[in-house]
Amino acid sequence: MSVGIFRAETPEGDYVLKLLPEEAFLDMYGHKILLQKHLSNFGLAPKIRNVYFKESLDELKAKFDQLSPHTNIGILMEEVDGTMIKQAFIEKGKIPNLSQLPRSPEFNHIVRSNLQSLEKALNDLEVSVLDAQMIITNSGEVKLIDFDFYEWSIDPIMRENRVEANFDNILELFP
């Protein structure tokens, strides 16, 4: 299922609807935030300026052996040269070494398929992707843990110069 993010301006603020398989959450936030389905599938709900998604972070962290109880999860917003950069981040996640992964043709095929799916999901957001970091698990799953982007304007030239996610250099590691 592709991500579904909808924004509606109301007197109380902007509402962000995050669509997940078989569930949907409605949360109020004063700015448009784009959250990508792989982050949600990783079981993490970011804290946004003291507004939490429905489940508590402690409950979500308990589902993950990859994360220590001291891991910070959140949305960082910073201005860089007049552009607001939104960064979904997970600190101190344990990322396995490539040398520790079960490298086989079957495993490589699973990883490549998941990488291509994540690449498409990022590009479906139609934002300029600055940086993306991920975890590759022993089962071949690819989980996004860090994603920096900016939203381009409606200007046609800006749209033409949009930077898409490109994982070719990572795909080469899994022939």
Protein backbone atom coordinates (compact mmCIF):
# COMPACT_ATOMS: atom_id res chain seq x y z
CA MET A 1 0.00 0.00 0.00
CA SER A 2 1.43 3.37 -0.91
CA VAL A 3 1.59 6.15 1.62
CA GLY A 4 -1.41 8.42 1.98
CA ILE A 5 -0.86 11.84 3.55
CA PHE A 6 -3.63 14.39 3.47
CA ARG A 7 -3.63 17.92 4.82
CA ALA A 8 -6.69 19.94 5.76
CA GLU A 9 -6.47 23.40 7.29
CA THR A 10 -8.93 23.83 10.14
CA PRO A 11 -9.38 26.50 12.85
CA GLU A 12 -7.76 24.05 15.31
CA GLY A 13 -4.72 23.41 13.13
CA ASP A 14 -3.63 21.15 10.31
CA TYR A 15 -4.51 17.49 10.45
CA VAL A 16 -2.23 14.83 9.04
CA LEU A 17 -3.79 11.51 8.15
CA LYS A 18 -1.25 8.70 8.03
CA LEU A 19 -2.59 5.64 6.23
CA LEU A 20 -1.10 2.30 7.19
CA PRO A 21 -2.19 -1.22 6.24
CA GLU A 22 -5.46 -1.89 8.08
CA GLU A 23 -5.21 1.18 10.28
CA ALA A 24 -5.27 4.97 10.11
CA PHE A 25 -4.26 7.63 12.58
CA LEU A 26 -5.43 11.23 12.66
CA ASP A 27 -3.14 13.67 14.40
CA MET A 28 -3.07 17.44 14.72
CA TYR A 29 0.13 19.28 13.88
CA GLY A 30 0.77 22.90 12.97
CA HIS A 31 2.83 22.12 9.85
CA LYS A 32 2.61 19.73 6.95
CA ILE A 33 4.73 16.68 7.71
CA LEU A 34 5.38 13.96 5.19
CA LEU A 35 5.88 10.58 6.81
CA GLN A 36 6.82 7.64 4.69
CA LYS A 37 5.31 4.19 5.06
CA HIS A 38 8.54 2.33 5.71
CA LEU A 39 9.16 4.39 8.84
CA SER A 40 5.68 3.50 10.03
CA ASN A 41 6.17 -0.15 9.18
CA PHE A 42 9.32 -0.08 11.30
CA GLY A 43 6.90 0.41 14.18
CA LEU A 44 7.94 3.91 15.11
CA ALA A 45 5.73 6.92 15.64
CA PRO A 46 7.67 10.19 15.80
CA LYS A 47 7.15 12.80 18.49
CA ILE A 48 6.32 16.12 16.87
CA ARG A 49 6.67 19.14 19.15
CA ASN A 50 5.14 17.27 22.08
CA VAL A 51 2.35 15.81 19.95
CA TYR A 52 2.50 12.03 19.95
CA PHE A 53 0.89 9.56 17.63
CA LYS A 54 -1.69 7.27 19.24
CA GLU A 55 0.68 4.67 20.64
CA SER A 56 3.27 5.71 23.18
CA LEU A 57 6.93 5.60 22.21
CA ASP A 58 7.66 3.19 25.07
CA GLU A 59 5.13 0.70 23.71
CA LEU A 60 6.58 1.03 20.22
CA LYS A 61 10.17 0.70 21.41
CA ALA A 62 9.25 -2.48 23.29
CA LYS A 63 8.39 -4.11 19.94
CA PHE A 64 11.94 -3.66 18.67
CA ASP A 65 15.02 -5.53 19.76
CA GLN A 66 17.06 -3.36 17.35
CA LEU A 67 16.50 -0.32 19.54
CA SER A 68 17.81 0.30 23.02
CA PRO A 69 15.36 1.76 25.58
CA HIS A 70 17.42 4.96 25.46
CA THR A 71 16.92 5.51 21.74
CA ASN A 72 15.55 8.91 20.79
CA ILE A 73 12.93 9.06 18.07
CA GLY A 74 11.53 12.22 16.62
CA ILE A 75 11.16 14.80 13.91
CA LEU A 76 13.89 17.40 13.73
CA MET A 77 13.04 20.61 11.93
CA GLU A 78 15.83 22.97 10.97
CA GLU A 79 16.25 25.85 8.57
CA VAL A 80 19.13 25.59 6.10
CA ASP A 81 19.70 28.54 3.78
CA GLY A 82 16.06 29.55 4.12
CA THR A 83 14.77 26.04 3.41
CA MET A 84 13.02 24.09 6.15
CA ILE A 85 14.53 20.60 6.32
CA LYS A 86 12.45 17.93 8.00
CA GLN A 87 14.34 14.93 9.28
CA ALA A 88 12.72 11.80 10.62
CA PHE A 89 15.40 10.25 12.77
CA ILE A 90 16.11 7.36 15.08
CA GLU A 91 19.26 7.71 17.17
CA LYS A 92 21.51 4.84 18.19
CA GLY A 93 19.74 2.12 16.25
CA LYS A 94 21.86 -1.01 15.91
CA ILE A 95 22.77 -1.38 12.26
CA PRO A 96 24.31 -4.72 11.24
CA ASN A 97 27.53 -4.81 9.23
CA LEU A 98 27.20 -5.97 5.64
CA SER A 99 29.71 -8.70 6.53
CA GLN A 100 27.22 -10.05 9.09
CA LEU A 101 24.41 -10.45 6.56
CA PRO A 102 23.65 -13.87 5.01
CA ARG A 103 24.89 -13.11 1.49
CA SER A 104 23.26 -15.54 -0.94
CA PRO A 105 21.59 -15.06 -4.34
CA GLU A 106 18.17 -15.49 -2.68
CA PHE A 107 19.00 -12.99 0.07
CA ASN A 108 20.41 -10.49 -2.44
CA HIS A 109 17.22 -10.78 -4.52
CA ILE A 110 15.04 -10.01 -1.47
CA VAL A 111 17.21 -7.02 -0.51
CA ARG A 112 17.21 -5.64 -4.07
CA SER A 113 13.43 -5.95 -4.28
CA ASN A 114 12.96 -4.19 -0.93
CA LEU A 115 15.45 -1.44 -1.85
CA GLN A 116 13.62 -0.78 -5.10
CA SER A 117 10.31 -0.67 -3.23
CA LEU A 118 11.69 1.85 -0.73
CA GLU A 119 13.23 3.94 -3.53
CA LYS A 120 9.84 4.07 -5.28
CA ALA A 121 8.03 4.96 -2.04
CA LEU A 122 10.42 7.85 -1.42
CA ASN A 123 10.04 9.13 -4.96
CA ASP A 124 6.25 8.82 -4.79
CA LEU A 125 6.37 11.53 -2.12
CA GLU A 126 7.51 13.96 -4.83
CA VAL A 127 10.01 15.76 -2.63
CA SER A 128 13.70 16.40 -3.19
CA VAL A 129 15.56 13.70 -1.30
CA LEU A 130 18.73 14.94 0.37
CA ASP A 131 19.70 11.86 2.34
CA ALA A 132 18.29 8.47 3.30
CA GLN A 133 19.76 5.90 5.67
CA MET A 134 18.40 2.44 6.28
CA ILE A 135 18.77 -0.82 8.15
CA ILE A 136 19.04 -4.07 6.22
CA THR A 137 17.97 -6.96 8.45
CA ASN A 138 19.12 -10.58 8.39
CA SER A 139 15.83 -11.48 6.71
CA GLY A 140 16.49 -9.00 3.88
CA GLU A 141 14.03 -6.34 5.01
CA VAL A 142 15.03 -2.73 4.35
CA LYS A 143 13.90 -0.24 6.99
CA LEU A 144 14.28 3.51 6.59
CA ILE A 145 15.79 5.14 9.68
CA ASP A 146 16.82 8.58 8.48
CA PHE A 147 15.28 10.63 5.70
CA ASP A 148 16.09 14.26 4.90
CA PHE A 149 14.15 16.13 2.25
CA TYR A 150 12.73 19.45 1.19
CA GLU A 151 9.50 20.22 -0.59
CA TRP A 152 9.94 21.89 -3.94
CA SER A 153 7.77 24.77 -4.99
CA ILE A 154 5.17 24.81 -7.75
CA ASP A 155 7.72 26.56 -9.97
CA PRO A 156 8.28 24.37 -13.10
CA ILE A 157 12.07 24.85 -13.00
CA MET A 158 12.21 23.73 -9.38
CA ARG A 159 10.12 20.70 -10.27
CA GLU A 160 12.45 19.81 -13.13
CA ASN A 161 15.43 19.96 -10.78
CA ARG A 162 13.88 17.72 -8.13
CA VAL A 163 16.39 15.23 -6.72
CA GLU A 164 14.98 11.72 -6.58
CA ALA A 165 16.14 8.89 -4.36
CA ASN A 166 18.62 6.68 -6.20
CA PHE A 167 19.92 3.53 -4.52
CA ASP A 168 22.04 2.26 -7.43
CA ASN A 169 25.22 2.38 -5.34
CA ILE A 170 23.58 0.25 -2.63
CA LEU A 171 22.01 -2.14 -5.15
CA GLU A 172 25.50 -2.84 -6.49
CA LEU A 173 26.41 -4.36 -3.10
CA PHE A 174 23.75 -7.05 -3.60
CA PRO A 175 24.36 -8.46 -7.10
